[in-house]
Protein backbone atom coordinates (compact mmCIF):
# COMPACT_ATOMS: atom_id res chain seq x y z
CA GLY A 1 -15.65 10.48 2.63
CA GLU A 2 -13.04 7.80 3.14
CA THR A 3 -13.10 4.78 0.86
CA ALA A 4 -10.67 1.87 0.73
CA VAL A 5 -8.48 1.88 -2.37
CA ARG A 6 -10.07 -0.16 -5.21
CA GLU A 7 -13.46 -0.22 -3.49
CA THR A 8 -16.48 1.91 -4.33
CA ARG A 9 -18.68 4.34 -2.47
CA VAL A 10 -21.83 5.82 -3.97
CA ARG A 11 -23.49 9.07 -2.91
CA THR A 12 -26.47 10.96 -4.27
CA ILE A 13 -26.85 14.61 -5.19
CA ALA A 14 -30.36 16.03 -5.40
CA MET A 15 -31.26 17.83 -8.63
CA ALA A 16 -34.57 19.61 -9.26
CA ASN A 17 -36.19 21.74 -11.96
CA ALA A 18 -37.49 24.74 -10.03
CA GLY A 19 -38.57 26.52 -13.22
CA ASP A 20 -41.89 26.49 -15.03
CA THR A 21 -40.64 24.94 -18.31
CA ASP A 22 -38.80 21.77 -19.25
CA LEU A 23 -35.11 21.62 -18.32
CA GLN A 24 -32.83 19.93 -20.85
CA VAL A 25 -29.75 18.50 -19.13
CA SER A 26 -27.23 17.95 -21.90
CA SER A 27 -24.31 16.42 -19.96
CA PHE A 28 -22.61 15.54 -16.72
CA HIS A 29 -18.92 16.31 -17.03
CA LEU A 30 -16.01 15.17 -14.83
CA GLY A 31 -12.24 15.39 -15.22
CA ARG A 32 -10.59 12.95 -17.62
CA ALA A 33 -8.71 10.84 -15.04
CA SER A 34 -11.29 11.16 -12.31
CA ALA A 35 -11.89 8.68 -9.50
CA PHE A 36 -15.52 9.84 -9.68
CA SER A 37 -18.20 8.79 -12.15
CA VAL A 38 -21.92 9.45 -12.64
CA LEU A 39 -23.86 6.18 -12.50
CA ASP A 40 -27.37 7.51 -13.03
CA PRO A 41 -29.15 9.25 -14.69
CA GLU A 42 -27.67 9.27 -18.15
CA ALA A 43 -27.54 12.53 -20.08
CA PRO A 44 -29.13 13.94 -22.08
CA LEU A 45 -32.36 13.98 -20.10
CA THR A 46 -35.45 16.15 -19.84
CA MET A 47 -36.89 17.23 -16.49
CA ILE A 48 -40.41 18.67 -16.51
CA ALA A 49 -41.24 21.69 -14.35
CA GLY A 50 -41.18 20.75 -10.65
CA GLU A 51 -39.50 17.37 -11.25
CA ALA A 52 -36.72 16.21 -8.92
CA THR A 53 -34.24 13.38 -9.27
CA ALA A 54 -31.03 12.12 -7.71
CA ILE A 55 -27.63 12.00 -9.37
CA TRP A 56 -25.80 8.85 -8.29
CA VAL A 57 -22.06 9.57 -8.08
CA GLN A 58 -19.51 6.82 -7.50
CA PHE A 59 -16.06 7.26 -5.96
CA PHE A 60 -13.57 4.51 -6.92
CA PRO A 61 -10.04 5.48 -5.77
CA GLN A 62 -7.06 3.70 -7.33
CA VAL A 63 -4.54 5.30 -4.93
CA GLY A 64 -4.54 6.58 -1.38
CA GLY A 65 -4.96 10.23 -0.49
CA VAL A 66 -7.38 13.07 -1.07
CA GLN A 67 -8.85 13.26 -4.56
CA ARG A 68 -10.89 16.14 -5.92
CA ASP A 69 -12.92 16.82 -9.02
CA THR A 70 -15.80 19.01 -10.12
CA LEU A 71 -19.06 17.67 -11.48
CA GLU A 72 -20.35 20.07 -14.12
CA ILE A 73 -24.03 19.79 -14.97
CA ARG A 74 -24.75 21.44 -18.32
CA SER A 75 -28.30 22.40 -19.27
CA ASN A 76 -30.47 24.93 -21.09
CA ASP A 77 -31.12 26.90 -17.88
CA PRO A 78 -30.88 30.56 -19.02
CA ASN A 79 -29.56 31.69 -15.61
CA GLU A 80 -27.09 28.87 -14.92
CA ALA A 81 -26.14 26.91 -18.02
CA VAL A 82 -23.37 25.16 -16.06
CA ILE A 83 -23.61 24.23 -12.40
CA ALA A 84 -20.28 23.18 -10.83
CA ILE A 85 -20.38 20.86 -7.81
CA PRO A 86 -17.05 20.22 -6.06
CA LEU A 87 -16.40 16.55 -5.23
CA ARG A 88 -13.90 15.28 -2.68
CA GLY A 89 -13.01 11.77 -1.52
CA THR A 90 -10.15 10.15 0.31
CA GLY A 91 -8.69 6.83 -0.78
CA VAL A 92 -7.36 4.91 2.20
CA ASN A 93 -5.22 1.79 2.16
CA ALA A 94 -3.77 -0.63 4.64
CA GLU A 95 -0.07 -1.43 4.67
CA LEU A 96 1.72 -4.06 6.73
CA SER A 97 5.22 -3.41 8.03
CA SER A 98 7.64 -5.21 10.34
CA ASP A 99 10.50 -4.25 12.59
CA PHE A 100 12.61 -6.93 10.80
CA SER A 101 13.59 -6.97 7.13
CA THR A 102 15.43 -10.28 7.65
CA LEU A 103 15.14 -12.78 10.50
CA VAL A 104 18.66 -13.88 11.46
CA PHE A 105 18.50 -16.70 13.99
CA GLY A 106 22.24 -17.34 14.07
CA THR A 107 23.66 -20.74 15.05
CA VAL A 108 21.37 -23.20 16.83
CA ARG A 109 22.24 -26.81 17.76
CA ILE A 110 20.15 -29.56 16.21
CA GLY A 111 17.33 -30.43 18.61
CA GLN A 112 17.40 -26.99 20.25
CA PHE A 113 15.59 -23.81 19.17
CA LYS A 114 15.72 -20.05 19.16
CA ASP A 115 12.67 -17.75 19.28
CA ILE A 116 12.26 -14.22 17.94
CA ALA A 117 9.26 -11.93 18.48
CA ILE A 118 8.42 -9.84 15.42
CA GLU A 119 6.45 -6.63 15.69
CA LEU A 120 3.92 -6.23 12.88
CA SER A 121 2.11 -2.94 12.38
CA ASN A 122 -0.42 -1.37 10.09
CA THR A 123 1.27 1.77 8.76
CA GLY A 124 -1.58 2.51 6.35
CA SER A 125 -4.76 4.50 6.80
CA ALA A 126 -7.35 1.70 6.62
CA PRO A 127 -7.99 -1.49 8.62
CA LEU A 128 -5.84 -4.46 7.59
CA GLN A 129 -7.08 -8.06 7.71
CA LEU A 130 -4.36 -10.61 8.54
CA HIS A 131 -5.39 -13.99 7.11
CA ASN A 132 -2.47 -16.36 7.72
CA ALA A 133 1.21 -16.54 8.67
CA PHE A 134 3.57 -19.41 7.84
CA PHE A 135 7.13 -20.33 6.88
CA GLU A 136 8.01 -22.09 3.63
CA ASN A 137 10.45 -24.44 5.46
CA ALA A 138 9.57 -26.79 8.37
CA SER A 139 12.70 -25.76 10.34
CA PHE A 140 10.96 -22.45 11.03
CA ARG A 141 7.61 -22.10 12.80
CA VAL A 142 5.04 -19.47 13.64
CA LEU A 143 4.27 -20.13 17.31
CA ASP A 144 1.04 -18.20 17.74
CA PHE A 145 -1.11 -16.60 15.05
CA THR A 146 -4.80 -15.75 14.97
CA PRO A 147 -6.46 -14.17 11.92
CA GLN A 148 -7.39 -10.64 12.94
CA VAL A 149 -7.85 -7.02 11.90
CA LEU A 150 -5.11 -4.47 12.56
CA HIS A 151 -6.42 -0.91 12.64
CA PRO A 152 -4.19 1.98 11.47
CA SER A 153 -1.15 2.36 13.77
CA GLU A 154 -2.05 -0.84 15.65
CA ARG A 155 0.75 -3.32 16.40
CA ILE A 156 0.96 -6.99 17.36
CA MET A 157 3.79 -9.33 18.29
CA LEU A 158 4.27 -12.50 16.25
CA PRO A 159 6.46 -15.14 17.93
CA VAL A 160 8.49 -17.34 15.55
CA ARG A 161 10.94 -20.20 16.10
CA PHE A 162 13.95 -21.77 14.38
CA ILE A 163 14.32 -25.46 15.24
CA PRO A 164 16.76 -27.17 12.85
CA PHE A 165 16.59 -30.89 12.05
CA SER A 166 19.75 -31.24 9.96
CA PRO A 167 23.14 -29.49 9.85
CA GLY A 168 23.96 -26.59 7.55
CA GLY A 169 22.63 -23.21 6.57
CA ILE A 170 18.85 -23.06 6.30
CA ASN A 171 16.87 -20.33 4.52
CA SER A 172 13.17 -19.67 4.33
CA LYS A 173 10.57 -16.94 4.06
CA LEU A 174 7.97 -15.91 6.59
CA VAL A 175 4.78 -15.26 4.59
CA ILE A 176 1.93 -13.18 5.99
CA LEU A 177 -1.20 -13.17 3.86
CA ASN A 178 -3.34 -10.07 4.22
CA ASP A 179 -5.83 -7.89 2.33
CA SER A 180 -3.47 -4.99 1.60
CA VAL A 181 -3.62 -3.65 -1.94
CA VAL A 182 0.06 -2.72 -1.66
CA GLN A 183 1.48 -6.13 -0.64
CA PRO A 184 -1.08 -8.90 -0.01
CA ARG A 185 1.72 -11.47 0.35
CA PHE A 186 4.10 -9.85 2.84
CA GLU A 187 7.43 -11.73 3.03
CA ILE A 188 10.39 -11.61 5.40
CA GLN A 189 13.55 -13.57 4.66
CA ALA A 190 14.73 -15.92 7.42
CA ASN A 191 18.00 -17.79 7.91
CA GLY A 192 19.73 -19.86 10.50
CA LEU A 193 22.69 -22.21 10.85
CA ALA A 194 22.55 -25.66 12.46
């Protein structure tokens, strides 16, 4: 299934000894750089005739996209010494983007202001939590922000203002704190002239 990048999901696979003698499971084998791991049980293990157990498999994606592996269960079963179980998971991540790379407010007289509406969107494949938005300089302001979740492809407008208090060129950064793995501190340069 889908799992957020750098988060875990655990699923179980049923395993039973349908024979009439003990089954010796020697190993659980996965690919070397797998996003999957076997949490429980540990091999080697012995299963008596008729015994059933669950194999707890964890998916922990480090990147977005479909990831595949094969779980090989090796045992002393004379008919199937190796059972191969295909595993598939999708790592999803949220990613914030903006229709502005730089906010250019131009020239504004001291005591007056200029507003710009920025479109923010989640271009990733997982929900994105927006925590806070602020400028690093008091001449710039975020006019209306509410912490919220942006679902994939969802967009919001963020109104911002330049209101200079002293003459000259003024630079700042708009900072949007979010839970994206890609860029949790999303920054947009801003400048204006008073």
